[in-house]
Amino acid sequence: MAELLRILPIVFMVWTLVLVVYLSFSEMFRAPRFVRKARAKRAGKRLAAELSASAGPTDLVVYWDRYRHLSKFEIFAAVEQAGFLFVDQELNEHGWALNFTKA
């Protein structure tokens, strides 16, 4: 028991240092905040263009992985603003499909 009490603080300190180093490197090599915002803005414009191009059909399929820089909430808000309602979602050979129908 005394051996465990002597080793436990050292193990805790080593794992804490490993975690700090890992988080530092993951933040350092991540895309900067302004790049992520620009990607989200471009994805929003692509989604708006796709929605305006699909004004005629009654069904719409949006592949979420094509708009990975947008949250699911942002996709749903844009699609509902265009007059579509969410039906269901599915995984198929093209990706994660969000199915909508015209309201």
Protein backbone atom coordinates (compact mmCIF):
# COMPACT_ATOMS: atom_id res chain seq x y z
CA MET A 1 0.00 0.00 0.00
CA ALA A 2 2.83 2.40 0.79
CA GLU A 3 4.40 1.62 -2.60
CA LEU A 4 1.12 2.48 -4.36
CA LEU A 5 0.81 5.77 -2.49
CA ARG A 6 4.36 6.64 -3.53
CA ILE A 7 3.85 5.79 -7.23
CA LEU A 8 0.32 7.17 -7.72
CA PRO A 9 1.24 10.90 -7.68
CA ILE A 10 4.01 10.28 -10.21
CA VAL A 11 1.66 8.39 -12.54
CA PHE A 12 -0.93 11.14 -12.19
CA MET A 13 1.64 13.82 -13.01
CA VAL A 14 2.94 11.96 -16.06
CA TRP A 15 -0.57 11.48 -17.49
CA THR A 16 -1.36 15.13 -16.84
CA LEU A 17 1.74 16.22 -18.74
CA VAL A 18 0.90 13.88 -21.62
CA LEU A 19 -2.60 15.35 -21.79
CA VAL A 20 -1.32 18.94 -21.75
CA VAL A 21 1.18 18.22 -24.54
CA TYR A 22 -1.45 16.43 -26.63
CA LEU A 23 -3.97 19.28 -26.28
CA SER A 24 -1.29 21.86 -27.08
CA PHE A 25 -0.27 20.13 -30.28
CA SER A 26 -3.84 19.45 -31.38
CA GLU A 27 -4.72 23.13 -30.95
CA MET A 28 -1.51 24.26 -32.64
CA PHE A 29 -2.11 22.20 -35.80
CA ARG A 30 -5.84 22.94 -36.05
CA ALA A 31 -7.05 25.34 -38.71
CA PRO A 32 -7.25 28.94 -37.41
CA ARG A 33 -10.63 30.28 -36.36
CA PHE A 34 -10.91 32.66 -39.35
CA VAL A 35 -10.29 29.75 -41.75
CA ARG A 36 -13.04 27.68 -40.13
CA LYS A 37 -15.42 30.67 -40.39
CA ALA A 38 -14.57 31.16 -44.06
CA ARG A 39 -15.18 27.47 -44.76
CA ALA A 40 -18.55 27.63 -43.02
CA LYS A 41 -19.48 30.74 -45.00
CA ARG A 42 -18.59 29.04 -48.30
CA ALA A 43 -20.54 25.93 -47.29
CA GLY A 44 -23.56 28.12 -46.47
CA LYS A 45 -23.37 29.73 -49.91
CA ARG A 46 -23.13 26.31 -51.58
CA LEU A 47 -26.17 25.11 -49.64
CA ALA A 48 -28.15 28.24 -50.58
CA ALA A 49 -27.23 27.71 -54.24
CA GLU A 50 -28.33 24.08 -54.07
CA LEU A 51 -31.61 25.09 -52.44
CA SER A 52 -32.34 27.75 -55.06
CA ALA A 53 -31.53 25.30 -57.85
CA SER A 54 -33.95 22.73 -56.42
CA ALA A 55 -36.95 25.07 -56.28
CA GLY A 56 -39.06 22.77 -58.48
CA PRO A 57 -38.92 19.27 -56.97
CA THR A 58 -40.97 18.20 -53.99
CA ASP A 59 -38.20 16.10 -52.42
CA LEU A 60 -34.71 17.24 -51.49
CA VAL A 61 -31.72 15.21 -50.34
CA VAL A 62 -28.86 17.04 -48.61
CA TYR A 63 -25.66 15.13 -47.90
CA TRP A 64 -24.38 16.34 -44.56
CA ASP A 65 -20.73 15.46 -45.25
CA ARG A 66 -20.70 17.94 -48.15
CA TYR A 67 -21.51 20.66 -45.63
CA ARG A 68 -19.39 19.40 -42.73
CA HIS A 69 -18.45 22.94 -41.73
CA LEU A 70 -22.10 23.73 -40.95
CA SER A 71 -23.90 22.40 -37.91
CA LYS A 72 -27.00 20.27 -38.33
CA PHE A 73 -29.01 23.16 -36.87
CA GLU A 74 -27.69 25.57 -39.53
CA ILE A 75 -28.52 23.13 -42.32
CA PHE A 76 -32.04 22.57 -40.97
CA ALA A 77 -32.62 26.33 -40.58
CA ALA A 78 -31.57 27.07 -44.18
CA VAL A 79 -33.62 24.21 -45.61
CA GLU A 80 -36.72 25.10 -43.59
CA GLN A 81 -36.38 28.73 -44.69
CA ALA A 82 -36.48 27.45 -48.29
CA GLY A 83 -39.81 25.73 -47.53
CA PHE A 84 -38.76 22.13 -46.92
CA LEU A 85 -39.53 19.92 -43.92
CA PHE A 86 -37.29 17.20 -42.51
CA VAL A 87 -38.49 13.65 -43.19
CA ASP A 88 -35.68 11.28 -42.17
CA GLN A 89 -31.99 10.55 -42.48
CA GLU A 90 -30.08 7.57 -43.80
CA LEU A 91 -26.61 6.34 -44.59
CA ASN A 92 -26.13 5.24 -48.18
CA GLU A 93 -23.29 4.81 -50.65
CA HIS A 94 -23.11 8.58 -51.25
CA GLY A 95 -22.91 9.61 -47.60
CA TRP A 96 -25.16 10.71 -44.75
CA ALA A 97 -28.39 11.78 -46.45
CA LEU A 98 -30.87 14.17 -44.85
CA ASN A 99 -34.21 13.79 -46.64
CA PHE A 100 -36.61 16.72 -46.88
CA THR A 101 -39.96 17.22 -48.57
CA LYS A 102 -41.62 20.41 -49.80
CA ALA A 103 -43.98 21.90 -47.21
